[in-house]
């Protein structure tokens, strides 16, 4: 499974914003972005450089790519898939990224980072539509039901996390069933809030050069 091994906190500092790659640390006062809110490098604080149009496009693409924990080849593949689908290319790209299984587990609130979600899926803790799935990039769709395995629920760590799930903080495109420990994809994940976080128009312009 290919993944970005660059230091997580340096990735956030490079983009100048929290990408929530380190889970609990990102929410604490220990977050390096709070103490060193400038890009990493040998020469320390040098001031923010004036970005060209290309630089703005590159930073937006890098931010989205790092947020979802993807390598360049993987991210570009999603862009190419988005172009081939009907509808707005930017929304198609967001939809493909949000409907990755590792992202759904992260959005559920069971873990604090997509990297941890990826580990849980790789260790076969989840079932999709009654079938075992251990591929983090697996694409779910509206109507799919994701369930935590019974043997996983017997683990005290999982049991505690499931009990403390904050339903009110889940996105409205997910429906949690506490009795059966399942989550269902009930609607399209793309909304104005997500569009404001990631400017796909700029990303599309970057790849369309």
N, C-alpha and C. Protein backbone atom coordinates (compact mmCIF):
# COMPACT_ATOMS: atom_id res chain seq x y z
N UNK A 1 0.85 -1.19 0.00
CA UNK A 1 0.00 0.00 0.00
C UNK A 1 0.89 1.24 0.00
N UNK A 2 0.86 2.01 -1.08
CA UNK A 2 1.68 3.21 -1.20
C UNK A 2 1.11 4.32 -0.32
N UNK A 3 2.02 5.02 0.37
CA UNK A 3 1.57 6.13 1.21
C UNK A 3 2.70 7.12 1.39
N UNK A 4 2.35 8.32 1.78
CA UNK A 4 3.32 9.40 1.97
C UNK A 4 3.98 9.25 3.35
N UNK A 5 5.29 9.07 3.37
CA UNK A 5 6.02 8.86 4.62
C UNK A 5 6.69 10.14 5.13
N UNK A 6 6.43 11.27 4.47
CA UNK A 6 7.00 12.53 4.94
C UNK A 6 6.44 12.87 6.32
N UNK A 7 7.24 13.52 7.19
CA UNK A 7 6.75 13.90 8.52
C UNK A 7 5.41 14.65 8.43
N UNK A 8 4.42 14.18 9.18
CA UNK A 8 3.06 14.73 9.08
C UNK A 8 3.01 16.21 9.44
N UNK A 9 3.68 16.60 10.52
CA UNK A 9 3.61 17.99 10.97
C UNK A 9 4.27 18.94 9.98
N UNK A 10 5.30 18.47 9.30
CA UNK A 10 5.96 19.32 8.29
C UNK A 10 5.04 19.54 7.10
N UNK A 11 4.20 18.55 6.80
CA UNK A 11 3.25 18.71 5.70
C UNK A 11 2.25 19.82 6.02
N UNK A 12 1.78 19.85 7.28
CA UNK A 12 0.85 20.91 7.70
C UNK A 12 1.53 22.27 7.65
N UNK A 13 2.77 22.34 8.12
CA UNK A 13 3.49 23.61 8.13
C UNK A 13 3.75 24.11 6.71
N UNK A 14 4.00 23.19 5.80
CA UNK A 14 4.23 23.57 4.41
C UNK A 14 2.99 24.22 3.81
N UNK A 15 1.80 23.68 4.18
CA UNK A 15 0.55 24.22 3.63
C UNK A 15 0.02 25.40 4.45
N UNK A 16 0.58 25.59 5.65
CA UNK A 16 0.17 26.72 6.46
C UNK A 16 -1.17 26.56 7.13
N UNK A 17 -1.65 25.32 7.25
CA UNK A 17 -2.93 25.06 7.92
C UNK A 17 -2.97 23.62 8.41
N UNK A 18 -3.83 23.37 9.38
CA UNK A 18 -3.95 22.02 9.92
C UNK A 18 -4.65 21.10 8.94
N UNK A 19 -3.99 19.98 8.64
CA UNK A 19 -4.58 18.96 7.77
C UNK A 19 -5.07 17.77 8.59
N UNK A 20 -4.89 17.85 9.92
CA UNK A 20 -5.33 16.81 10.85
C UNK A 20 -4.79 15.43 10.48
N UNK A 21 -3.46 15.37 10.33
CA UNK A 21 -2.79 14.13 9.97
C UNK A 21 -2.27 13.36 11.17
N UNK A 22 -2.25 14.00 12.35
CA UNK A 22 -1.68 13.36 13.54
C UNK A 22 -2.70 13.12 14.65
N UNK A 23 -3.97 13.15 14.30
CA UNK A 23 -5.01 12.82 15.27
C UNK A 23 -5.08 13.79 16.43
N UNK A 24 -4.98 13.26 17.66
CA UNK A 24 -5.14 14.05 18.88
C UNK A 24 -4.12 15.19 18.98
N UNK A 25 -2.92 14.97 18.47
CA UNK A 25 -1.88 15.99 18.56
C UNK A 25 -2.29 17.27 17.83
N UNK A 26 -3.05 17.12 16.75
CA UNK A 26 -3.48 18.29 15.97
C UNK A 26 -4.45 19.16 16.76
N UNK A 27 -5.14 18.56 17.74
CA UNK A 27 -6.13 19.28 18.52
C UNK A 27 -5.57 19.83 19.82
N UNK A 28 -4.30 19.52 20.09
CA UNK A 28 -3.68 19.94 21.35
C UNK A 28 -2.75 21.13 21.15
N UNK A 29 -2.25 21.65 22.26
CA UNK A 29 -1.31 22.79 22.22
C UNK A 29 0.08 22.36 21.75
N UNK A 30 0.27 21.04 21.59
CA UNK A 30 1.56 20.53 21.14
C UNK A 30 1.72 20.57 19.62
N UNK A 31 0.67 20.96 18.94
CA UNK A 31 0.73 21.02 17.47
C UNK A 31 1.83 21.98 17.03
N UNK A 32 2.83 21.51 16.26
CA UNK A 32 3.94 22.36 15.83
C UNK A 32 3.50 23.58 15.02
N UNK A 33 2.34 23.51 14.39
CA UNK A 33 1.88 24.63 13.59
C UNK A 33 1.57 25.85 14.46
N UNK A 34 1.24 25.60 15.73
CA UNK A 34 0.96 26.69 16.65
C UNK A 34 2.25 27.40 17.05
N UNK A 35 3.30 26.59 17.29
CA UNK A 35 4.58 27.15 17.73
C UNK A 35 5.42 27.68 16.56
N UNK A 36 5.32 27.01 15.41
CA UNK A 36 6.13 27.42 14.25
C UNK A 36 5.23 27.56 13.03
N UNK A 37 4.50 28.62 13.00
CA UNK A 37 3.54 28.85 11.92
C UNK A 37 4.23 29.45 10.69
N UNK A 38 5.20 28.70 10.17
CA UNK A 38 5.90 29.11 8.96
C UNK A 38 6.43 27.84 8.28
N UNK A 39 6.69 27.89 6.98
CA UNK A 39 7.12 26.69 6.25
C UNK A 39 8.42 26.11 6.81
N UNK A 40 8.59 24.79 6.77
CA UNK A 40 9.82 24.17 7.26
C UNK A 40 10.99 24.50 6.34
N UNK A 41 12.19 24.51 6.89
CA UNK A 41 13.37 24.79 6.08
C UNK A 41 14.55 25.15 6.95
N UNK A 42 15.73 25.24 6.35
CA UNK A 42 16.96 25.48 7.10
C UNK A 42 17.06 26.89 7.64
N UNK A 43 16.40 27.83 7.00
CA UNK A 43 16.64 29.22 7.33
C UNK A 43 15.55 29.86 8.20
N UNK A 44 14.67 29.03 8.76
CA UNK A 44 13.68 29.57 9.69
C UNK A 44 12.67 30.47 9.01
N UNK A 45 12.21 31.48 9.78
CA UNK A 45 11.19 32.39 9.27
C UNK A 45 11.78 33.31 8.18
N UNK A 46 11.23 33.22 7.00
CA UNK A 46 11.71 34.05 5.89
C UNK A 46 10.59 34.92 5.33
N UNK A 47 9.41 34.83 5.95
CA UNK A 47 8.28 35.57 5.40
C UNK A 47 7.60 34.76 4.32
N UNK A 48 6.34 35.03 4.10
CA UNK A 48 5.59 34.28 3.10
C UNK A 48 5.89 34.82 1.70
N UNK A 49 6.34 33.96 0.79
CA UNK A 49 6.66 34.42 -0.56
C UNK A 49 5.39 34.75 -1.35
N UNK A 50 5.53 35.63 -2.30
CA UNK A 50 4.40 35.95 -3.19
C UNK A 50 4.26 34.83 -4.21
N UNK A 51 3.11 34.22 -4.21
CA UNK A 51 2.89 33.08 -5.10
C UNK A 51 2.40 33.51 -6.47
N UNK A 52 2.92 32.84 -7.49
CA UNK A 52 2.41 33.04 -8.84
C UNK A 52 1.11 32.26 -8.99
N UNK A 53 0.46 32.40 -10.12
CA UNK A 53 -0.77 31.64 -10.38
C UNK A 53 -0.49 30.15 -10.29
N UNK A 54 0.63 29.74 -10.85
CA UNK A 54 1.03 28.32 -10.78
C UNK A 54 1.25 27.90 -9.33
N UNK A 55 1.89 28.77 -8.54
CA UNK A 55 2.16 28.44 -7.14
C UNK A 55 0.88 28.27 -6.34
N UNK A 56 -0.11 29.12 -6.58
CA UNK A 56 -1.40 29.02 -5.90
C UNK A 56 -2.09 27.70 -6.25
N UNK A 57 -2.05 27.35 -7.54
CA UNK A 57 -2.67 26.10 -7.99
C UNK A 57 -1.95 24.89 -7.38
N UNK A 58 -0.62 24.95 -7.35
CA UNK A 58 0.17 23.85 -6.80
C UNK A 58 -0.12 23.65 -5.32
N UNK A 59 -0.18 24.74 -4.56
CA UNK A 59 -0.42 24.63 -3.12
C UNK A 59 -1.81 24.05 -2.83
N UNK A 60 -2.80 24.44 -3.61
CA UNK A 60 -4.16 23.91 -3.40
C UNK A 60 -4.21 22.42 -3.69
N UNK A 61 -3.52 22.02 -4.75
CA UNK A 61 -3.46 20.60 -5.11
C UNK A 61 -2.72 19.80 -4.05
N UNK A 62 -1.60 20.33 -3.59
CA UNK A 62 -0.80 19.65 -2.56
C UNK A 62 -1.58 19.53 -1.25
N UNK A 63 -2.32 20.57 -0.91
CA UNK A 63 -3.11 20.54 0.33
C UNK A 63 -4.14 19.42 0.28
N UNK A 64 -4.88 19.32 -0.83
CA UNK A 64 -5.91 18.28 -0.96
C UNK A 64 -5.28 16.90 -0.98
N UNK A 65 -4.19 16.77 -1.69
CA UNK A 65 -3.50 15.48 -1.80
C UNK A 65 -3.01 15.00 -0.44
N UNK A 66 -2.44 15.90 0.34
CA UNK A 66 -1.92 15.54 1.66
C UNK A 66 -3.04 15.31 2.66
N UNK A 67 -4.12 16.06 2.53
CA UNK A 67 -5.25 15.91 3.43
C UNK A 67 -5.83 14.49 3.36
N UNK A 68 -5.91 13.95 2.15
CA UNK A 68 -6.47 12.60 1.97
C UNK A 68 -5.40 11.51 2.02
N UNK A 69 -4.14 11.91 2.23
CA UNK A 69 -3.06 10.94 2.37
C UNK A 69 -2.70 10.20 1.10
N UNK A 70 -2.69 10.92 -0.03
CA UNK A 70 -2.43 10.29 -1.32
C UNK A 70 -1.10 10.73 -1.91
N UNK A 71 -0.55 9.88 -2.76
CA UNK A 71 0.64 10.24 -3.53
C UNK A 71 0.19 10.91 -4.82
N UNK A 72 1.12 11.55 -5.52
CA UNK A 72 0.77 12.29 -6.73
C UNK A 72 0.11 11.41 -7.79
N UNK A 73 0.66 10.22 -8.01
CA UNK A 73 0.10 9.32 -9.02
C UNK A 73 -1.33 8.93 -8.69
N UNK A 74 -1.58 8.68 -7.41
CA UNK A 74 -2.93 8.31 -6.97
C UNK A 74 -3.90 9.47 -7.14
N UNK A 75 -3.46 10.66 -6.74
CA UNK A 75 -4.34 11.83 -6.81
C UNK A 75 -4.68 12.17 -8.26
N UNK A 76 -3.70 12.10 -9.14
CA UNK A 76 -3.94 12.40 -10.55
C UNK A 76 -4.90 11.38 -11.18
N UNK A 77 -4.82 10.15 -10.69
CA UNK A 77 -5.73 9.12 -11.19
C UNK A 77 -7.18 9.48 -10.86
N UNK A 78 -7.41 10.03 -9.65
CA UNK A 78 -8.75 10.46 -9.28
C UNK A 78 -9.22 11.61 -10.17
N UNK A 79 -8.30 12.51 -10.50
CA UNK A 79 -8.63 13.62 -11.40
C UNK A 79 -9.05 13.08 -12.76
N UNK A 80 -8.31 12.10 -13.28
CA UNK A 80 -8.63 11.53 -14.59
C UNK A 80 -9.97 10.79 -14.56
N UNK A 81 -10.26 10.14 -13.45
CA UNK A 81 -11.56 9.47 -13.30
C UNK A 81 -12.69 10.49 -13.24
N UNK A 82 -12.43 11.62 -12.56
CA UNK A 82 -13.45 12.67 -12.42
C UNK A 82 -13.82 13.29 -13.76
N UNK A 83 -12.84 13.45 -14.64
CA UNK A 83 -13.08 14.02 -15.96
C UNK A 83 -14.03 13.14 -16.79
N UNK A 84 -13.87 11.84 -16.65
CA UNK A 84 -14.65 10.90 -17.46
C UNK A 84 -16.10 10.76 -16.99
N UNK A 85 -16.37 11.17 -15.75
CA UNK A 85 -17.72 11.07 -15.23
C UNK A 85 -18.59 12.25 -15.68
N UNK A 86 -19.88 12.04 -15.73
CA UNK A 86 -20.81 13.11 -16.08
C UNK A 86 -20.91 14.10 -14.92
N UNK A 87 -21.18 15.36 -15.25
CA UNK A 87 -21.33 16.36 -14.22
C UNK A 87 -20.11 17.23 -14.05
N UNK A 88 -20.11 18.06 -13.00
CA UNK A 88 -19.01 18.97 -12.71
C UNK A 88 -17.77 18.19 -12.28
N UNK A 89 -16.66 18.43 -12.98
CA UNK A 89 -15.42 17.69 -12.70
C UNK A 89 -14.95 17.89 -11.25
N UNK A 90 -15.04 19.12 -10.75
CA UNK A 90 -14.61 19.39 -9.37
C UNK A 90 -15.41 18.61 -8.35
N UNK A 91 -16.73 18.58 -8.52
CA UNK A 91 -17.59 17.83 -7.61
C UNK A 91 -17.34 16.34 -7.72
N UNK A 92 -17.07 15.87 -8.95
CA UNK A 92 -16.77 14.45 -9.15
C UNK A 92 -15.50 14.06 -8.41
N UNK A 93 -14.50 14.96 -8.44
CA UNK A 93 -13.24 14.70 -7.75
C UNK A 93 -13.46 14.62 -6.24
N UNK A 94 -14.19 15.58 -5.70
CA UNK A 94 -14.48 15.57 -4.26
C UNK A 94 -15.25 14.32 -3.86
N UNK A 95 -16.20 13.93 -4.70
CA UNK A 95 -17.03 12.76 -4.41
C UNK A 95 -16.18 11.49 -4.35
N UNK A 96 -15.27 11.35 -5.28
CA UNK A 96 -14.39 10.18 -5.31
C UNK A 96 -13.50 10.12 -4.06
N UNK A 97 -13.01 11.28 -3.63
CA UNK A 97 -12.14 11.34 -2.46
C UNK A 97 -12.92 11.07 -1.17
N UNK A 98 -14.11 11.67 -1.06
CA UNK A 98 -14.90 11.51 0.16
C UNK A 98 -15.46 10.10 0.30
N UNK A 99 -15.70 9.41 -0.80
CA UNK A 99 -16.28 8.08 -0.73
C UNK A 99 -15.24 6.96 -0.69
N UNK A 100 -14.00 7.32 -0.45
CA UNK A 100 -13.00 6.30 -0.12
C UNK A 100 -13.37 5.73 1.25
N UNK A 101 -13.18 4.44 1.42
CA UNK A 101 -13.56 3.80 2.68
C UNK A 101 -12.81 4.38 3.87
N UNK A 102 -11.51 4.67 3.71
CA UNK A 102 -10.75 5.23 4.84
C UNK A 102 -11.28 6.60 5.24
N UNK A 103 -11.74 7.39 4.27
CA UNK A 103 -12.30 8.69 4.60
C UNK A 103 -13.64 8.57 5.33
N UNK A 104 -14.45 7.59 4.93
CA UNK A 104 -15.75 7.37 5.58
C UNK A 104 -15.55 7.01 7.05
N UNK A 105 -14.59 6.12 7.31
CA UNK A 105 -14.29 5.72 8.70
C UNK A 105 -13.81 6.93 9.50
N UNK A 106 -13.01 7.78 8.87
CA UNK A 106 -12.53 9.00 9.52
C UNK A 106 -13.69 9.96 9.80
N UNK A 107 -14.54 10.17 8.81
CA UNK A 107 -15.69 11.07 8.97
C UNK A 107 -16.66 10.56 10.03
N UNK A 108 -16.71 9.26 10.20
CA UNK A 108 -17.57 8.66 11.22
C UNK A 108 -17.17 9.11 12.63
N UNK A 109 -15.87 9.40 12.80
CA UNK A 109 -15.38 9.85 14.10
C UNK A 109 -14.80 8.73 14.95
N UNK A 110 -14.63 7.55 14.34
CA UNK A 110 -14.09 6.43 15.07
C UNK A 110 -12.60 6.60 15.34
N UNK A 111 -11.93 7.34 14.46
CA UNK A 111 -10.51 7.64 14.61
C UNK A 111 -10.30 9.12 14.33
N UNK A 112 -9.13 9.64 14.74
CA UNK A 112 -8.85 11.06 14.61
C UNK A 112 -8.05 11.43 13.37
N UNK A 113 -7.68 10.43 12.56
CA UNK A 113 -6.94 10.73 11.33
C UNK A 113 -7.23 9.67 10.28
N UNK A 114 -7.06 10.04 9.03
CA UNK A 114 -7.28 9.09 7.94
C UNK A 114 -6.21 8.01 7.94
N UNK A 115 -5.03 8.32 8.43
CA UNK A 115 -3.96 7.34 8.50
C UNK A 115 -4.33 6.20 9.44
N UNK A 116 -4.94 6.52 10.59
CA UNK A 116 -5.39 5.49 11.52
C UNK A 116 -6.55 4.69 10.93
N UNK A 117 -7.42 5.37 10.20
CA UNK A 117 -8.53 4.67 9.54
C UNK A 117 -8.00 3.67 8.53
N UNK A 118 -6.94 4.06 7.84
CA UNK A 118 -6.33 3.18 6.84
C UNK A 118 -5.77 1.92 7.51
N UNK A 119 -5.19 2.07 8.66
CA UNK A 119 -4.65 0.91 9.38
C UNK A 119 -5.75 -0.05 9.81
N UNK A 120 -6.84 0.50 10.34
CA UNK A 120 -7.95 -0.35 10.79
C UNK A 120 -8.54 -1.15 9.63
N UNK A 121 -8.69 -0.49 8.49
CA UNK A 121 -9.25 -1.18 7.31
C UNK A 121 -8.30 -2.26 6.82
N UNK A 122 -7.02 -1.96 6.79
CA UNK A 122 -6.01 -2.93 6.34
C UNK A 122 -5.98 -4.17 7.23
N UNK A 123 -6.35 -3.99 8.51
CA UNK A 123 -6.37 -5.10 9.45
C UNK A 123 -7.73 -5.81 9.48
N UNK A 124 -8.56 -5.51 8.48
CA UNK A 124 -9.84 -6.21 8.26
C UNK A 124 -10.83 -6.06 9.42
N UNK A 125 -10.98 -4.85 9.92
CA UNK A 125 -11.92 -4.61 11.01
C UNK A 125 -13.33 -4.25 10.50
N UNK A 126 -13.46 -4.04 9.17
CA UNK A 126 -14.74 -3.57 8.65
C UNK A 126 -15.32 -4.48 7.57
N UNK A 127 -16.65 -4.45 7.48
CA UNK A 127 -17.39 -5.19 6.47
C UNK A 127 -18.24 -4.20 5.69
N UNK A 128 -18.24 -4.31 4.37
CA UNK A 128 -19.06 -3.45 3.52
C UNK A 128 -20.09 -4.32 2.80
N UNK A 129 -21.35 -4.06 3.08
CA UNK A 129 -22.43 -4.86 2.47
C UNK A 129 -22.22 -6.36 2.71
N UNK A 130 -21.87 -6.70 3.97
CA UNK A 130 -21.68 -8.09 4.39
C UNK A 130 -20.47 -8.77 3.75
N UNK A 131 -19.56 -7.99 3.18
CA UNK A 131 -18.36 -8.56 2.58
C UNK A 131 -17.12 -7.92 3.23
N UNK A 132 -16.11 -8.75 3.52
CA UNK A 132 -14.88 -8.23 4.12
C UNK A 132 -14.14 -7.35 3.11
N UNK A 133 -13.74 -6.18 3.55
CA UNK A 133 -12.98 -5.26 2.70
C UNK A 133 -11.77 -4.77 3.50
N UNK A 134 -10.57 -4.97 2.95
CA UNK A 134 -9.35 -4.51 3.63
C UNK A 134 -8.54 -3.56 2.75
N UNK A 135 -9.25 -2.89 1.83
CA UNK A 135 -8.61 -1.94 0.91
C UNK A 135 -9.05 -0.53 1.27
N UNK A 136 -8.16 0.30 1.81
CA UNK A 136 -8.54 1.66 2.24
C UNK A 136 -9.14 2.52 1.14
N UNK A 137 -8.70 2.31 -0.10
CA UNK A 137 -9.18 3.13 -1.22
C UNK A 137 -10.50 2.63 -1.81
N UNK A 138 -11.07 1.58 -1.22
CA UNK A 138 -12.32 1.01 -1.73
C UNK A 138 -13.38 2.10 -1.84
N UNK A 139 -14.04 2.17 -3.00
CA UNK A 139 -15.06 3.19 -3.24
C UNK A 139 -16.44 2.70 -2.81
N UNK A 140 -17.00 3.36 -1.81
CA UNK A 140 -18.36 3.05 -1.41
C UNK A 140 -19.30 3.96 -2.20
N UNK A 141 -20.59 3.70 -2.11
CA UNK A 141 -21.58 4.50 -2.83
C UNK A 141 -22.82 4.68 -1.98
N UNK A 142 -23.71 5.54 -2.42
CA UNK A 142 -24.95 5.78 -1.69
C UNK A 142 -25.73 4.47 -1.55
N UNK A 143 -26.13 4.18 -0.33
CA UNK A 143 -26.86 2.95 -0.05
C UNK A 143 -26.00 1.87 0.58
N UNK A 144 -24.68 2.00 0.49
CA UNK A 144 -23.78 1.00 1.08
C UNK A 144 -23.82 1.07 2.61
N UNK A 145 -23.68 -0.11 3.23
CA UNK A 145 -23.68 -0.21 4.69
C UNK A 145 -22.34 -0.74 5.17
N UNK A 146 -21.71 -0.01 6.07
CA UNK A 146 -20.39 -0.39 6.60
C UNK A 146 -20.55 -0.78 8.06
N UNK A 147 -19.98 -1.92 8.41
CA UNK A 147 -20.15 -2.45 9.76
C UNK A 147 -18.82 -2.82 10.38
N UNK A 148 -18.70 -2.55 11.67
CA UNK A 148 -17.51 -2.96 12.42
C UNK A 148 -17.69 -4.42 12.80
N UNK A 149 -16.67 -5.24 12.55
CA UNK A 149 -16.77 -6.68 12.81
C UNK A 149 -17.05 -6.96 14.29
N UNK A 150 -17.76 -8.04 14.53
CA UNK A 150 -18.12 -8.41 15.90
C UNK A 150 -16.88 -8.67 16.75
N UNK A 151 -15.89 -9.32 16.17
CA UNK A 151 -14.67 -9.62 16.95
C UNK A 151 -13.95 -8.32 17.32
N UNK A 152 -14.08 -7.29 16.48
CA UNK A 152 -13.45 -6.00 16.77
C UNK A 152 -14.18 -5.31 17.92
N UNK A 153 -15.49 -5.49 17.97
CA UNK A 153 -16.29 -4.88 19.03
C UNK A 153 -15.96 -5.44 20.41
N UNK A 154 -15.41 -6.65 20.45
CA UNK A 154 -15.04 -7.28 21.72
C UNK A 154 -13.76 -6.68 22.28
N UNK A 155 -13.04 -5.95 21.41
CA UNK A 155 -11.82 -5.29 21.85
C UNK A 155 -12.20 -4.06 22.68
N UNK A 156 -11.72 -3.95 23.93
CA UNK A 156 -12.08 -2.83 24.81
C UNK A 156 -11.82 -1.45 24.19
N UNK A 157 -10.75 -1.34 23.38
CA UNK A 157 -10.42 -0.06 22.76
C UNK A 157 -11.52 0.36 21.79
N UNK A 158 -11.95 -0.59 20.94
CA UNK A 158 -13.01 -0.30 19.98
C UNK A 158 -14.33 -0.05 20.69
N UNK A 159 -14.59 -0.84 21.69
CA UNK A 159 -15.86 -0.72 22.43
C UNK A 159 -15.99 0.69 23.02
N UNK A 160 -14.91 1.20 23.56
CA UNK A 160 -14.93 2.53 24.17
C UNK A 160 -15.13 3.61 23.11
N UNK A 161 -14.45 3.44 21.97
CA UNK A 161 -14.57 4.44 20.90
C UNK A 161 -15.98 4.48 20.33
N UNK A 162 -16.59 3.32 20.16
CA UNK A 162 -17.95 3.25 19.62
C UNK A 162 -18.93 3.92 20.59
N UNK A 163 -18.74 3.69 21.89
CA UNK A 163 -19.63 4.28 22.89
C UNK A 163 -19.53 5.81 22.90
N UNK A 164 -18.34 6.32 22.58
CA UNK A 164 -18.11 7.76 22.65
C UNK A 164 -18.27 8.48 21.31
N UNK A 165 -18.84 7.79 20.32
CA UNK A 165 -19.06 8.43 19.03
C UNK A 165 -20.02 9.61 19.20
N UNK A 166 -19.65 10.73 18.60
CA UNK A 166 -20.48 11.94 18.69
C UNK A 166 -21.32 12.06 17.42
N UNK A 167 -22.55 11.57 17.51
CA UNK A 167 -23.44 11.54 16.34
C UNK A 167 -23.67 12.95 15.79
N UNK A 168 -23.77 13.94 16.67
CA UNK A 168 -24.05 15.31 16.22
C UNK A 168 -22.92 15.90 15.38
N UNK A 169 -21.71 15.32 15.48
CA UNK A 169 -20.57 15.83 14.72
C UNK A 169 -20.36 15.09 13.40
N UNK A 170 -21.14 14.04 13.16
CA UNK A 170 -21.03 13.29 11.91
C UNK A 170 -21.64 14.10 10.77
N UNK A 171 -21.08 14.00 9.57
CA UNK A 171 -21.69 14.69 8.42
C UNK A 171 -23.08 14.10 8.13
N UNK A 172 -23.95 14.91 7.57
CA UNK A 172 -25.33 14.46 7.36
C UNK A 172 -25.50 13.43 6.27
N UNK A 173 -24.42 13.10 5.56
CA UNK A 173 -24.53 12.07 4.52
C UNK A 173 -24.24 10.67 5.09
N UNK A 174 -23.97 10.63 6.40
CA UNK A 174 -23.78 9.35 7.09
C UNK A 174 -24.89 9.14 8.12
N UNK A 175 -25.40 7.91 8.19
CA UNK A 175 -26.44 7.57 9.17
C UNK A 175 -25.93 6.42 10.05
N UNK A 176 -25.76 6.70 11.33
CA UNK A 176 -25.20 5.72 12.27
C UNK A 176 -26.31 4.96 12.97
N UNK A 177 -26.20 3.63 12.99
CA UNK A 177 -27.14 2.77 13.69
C UNK A 177 -26.43 2.19 14.91
N UNK A 178 -26.65 2.73 16.11
CA UNK A 178 -25.92 2.29 17.30
C UNK A 178 -26.27 0.86 17.74
N UNK A 179 -27.44 0.36 17.34
CA UNK A 179 -27.84 -0.99 17.75
C UNK A 179 -27.06 -2.06 16.98
N UNK A 180 -26.86 -1.80 15.69
CA UNK A 180 -26.17 -2.79 14.85
C UNK A 180 -24.73 -2.42 14.54
N UNK A 181 -24.28 -1.27 15.08
CA UNK A 181 -22.91 -0.79 14.84
C UNK A 181 -22.60 -0.67 13.36
N UNK A 182 -23.54 -0.06 12.63
CA UNK A 182 -23.37 0.13 11.20
C UNK A 182 -23.55 1.60 10.83
N UNK A 183 -22.93 2.00 9.73
CA UNK A 183 -23.12 3.34 9.19
C UNK A 183 -23.51 3.19 7.72
N UNK A 184 -24.49 3.97 7.30
CA UNK A 184 -24.99 3.89 5.93
C UNK A 184 -24.75 5.21 5.20
N UNK A 185 -24.36 5.10 3.94
CA UNK A 185 -24.18 6.29 3.10
C UNK A 185 -25.57 6.66 2.58
N UNK A 186 -26.12 7.76 3.03
CA UNK A 186 -27.51 8.09 2.70
C UNK A 186 -27.67 9.18 1.64
N UNK A 187 -26.59 9.93 1.36
CA UNK A 187 -26.71 11.00 0.37
C UNK A 187 -25.35 11.37 -0.19
N UNK A 188 -25.36 12.24 -1.17
CA UNK A 188 -24.13 12.73 -1.78
C UNK A 188 -23.31 13.51 -0.75
N UNK A 189 -22.01 13.20 -0.61
CA UNK A 189 -21.18 13.88 0.39
C UNK A 189 -20.75 15.30 0.01
N UNK A 190 -20.92 15.66 -1.25
CA UNK A 190 -20.44 16.97 -1.71
C UNK A 190 -21.45 18.07 -1.38
N UNK A 191 -21.00 19.06 -0.60
CA UNK A 191 -21.85 20.21 -0.27
C UNK A 191 -21.02 21.48 -0.27
N UNK A 192 -21.65 22.61 0.03
CA UNK A 192 -20.94 23.90 -0.02
C UNK A 192 -19.81 23.96 1.00
N UNK A 193 -20.00 23.34 2.15
CA UNK A 193 -18.97 23.36 3.19
C UNK A 193 -17.70 22.69 2.69
N UNK A 194 -17.84 21.55 2.03
CA UNK A 194 -16.68 20.83 1.50
C UNK A 194 -16.04 21.62 0.36
N UNK A 195 -16.86 22.24 -0.47
CA UNK A 195 -16.33 23.04 -1.58
C UNK A 195 -15.50 24.22 -1.08
N UNK A 196 -15.89 24.75 0.09
CA UNK A 196 -15.15 25.88 0.65
C UNK A 196 -13.82 25.46 1.24
N UNK A 197 -13.72 24.20 1.67
CA UNK A 197 -12.47 23.68 2.23
C UNK A 197 -11.46 23.41 1.12
N UNK A 198 -11.93 22.84 0.02
CA UNK A 198 -11.06 22.49 -1.10
C UNK A 198 -11.55 23.17 -2.37
N UNK A 199 -10.72 24.02 -2.93
CA UNK A 199 -11.07 24.75 -4.16
C UNK A 199 -10.69 23.88 -5.36
N UNK A 200 -11.62 23.05 -5.78
CA UNK A 200 -11.32 22.11 -6.88
C UNK A 200 -11.14 22.82 -8.21
N UNK A 201 -11.71 24.01 -8.35
CA UNK A 201 -11.56 24.76 -9.60
C UNK A 201 -10.08 25.04 -9.87
N UNK A 202 -9.36 25.43 -8.81
CA UNK A 202 -7.93 25.71 -8.95
C UNK A 202 -7.15 24.43 -9.26
N UNK A 203 -7.56 23.32 -8.64
CA UNK A 203 -6.89 22.05 -8.88
C UNK A 203 -7.10 21.60 -10.33
N UNK A 204 -8.31 21.76 -10.83
CA UNK A 204 -8.60 21.38 -12.22
C UNK A 204 -7.77 22.24 -13.17
N UNK A 205 -7.62 23.53 -12.85
CA UNK A 205 -6.81 24.42 -13.68
C UNK A 205 -5.35 23.97 -13.69
N UNK A 206 -4.88 23.49 -12.54
CA UNK A 206 -3.49 23.01 -12.45
C UNK A 206 -3.25 21.85 -13.41
N UNK A 207 -4.15 20.87 -13.41
CA UNK A 207 -3.98 19.70 -14.26
C UNK A 207 -4.33 19.97 -15.72
N UNK A 208 -5.02 21.08 -15.98
CA UNK A 208 -5.45 21.39 -17.36
C UNK A 208 -4.44 22.26 -18.10
N UNK A 209 -3.33 22.57 -17.45
CA UNK A 209 -2.32 23.43 -18.09
C UNK A 209 -1.81 22.81 -19.39
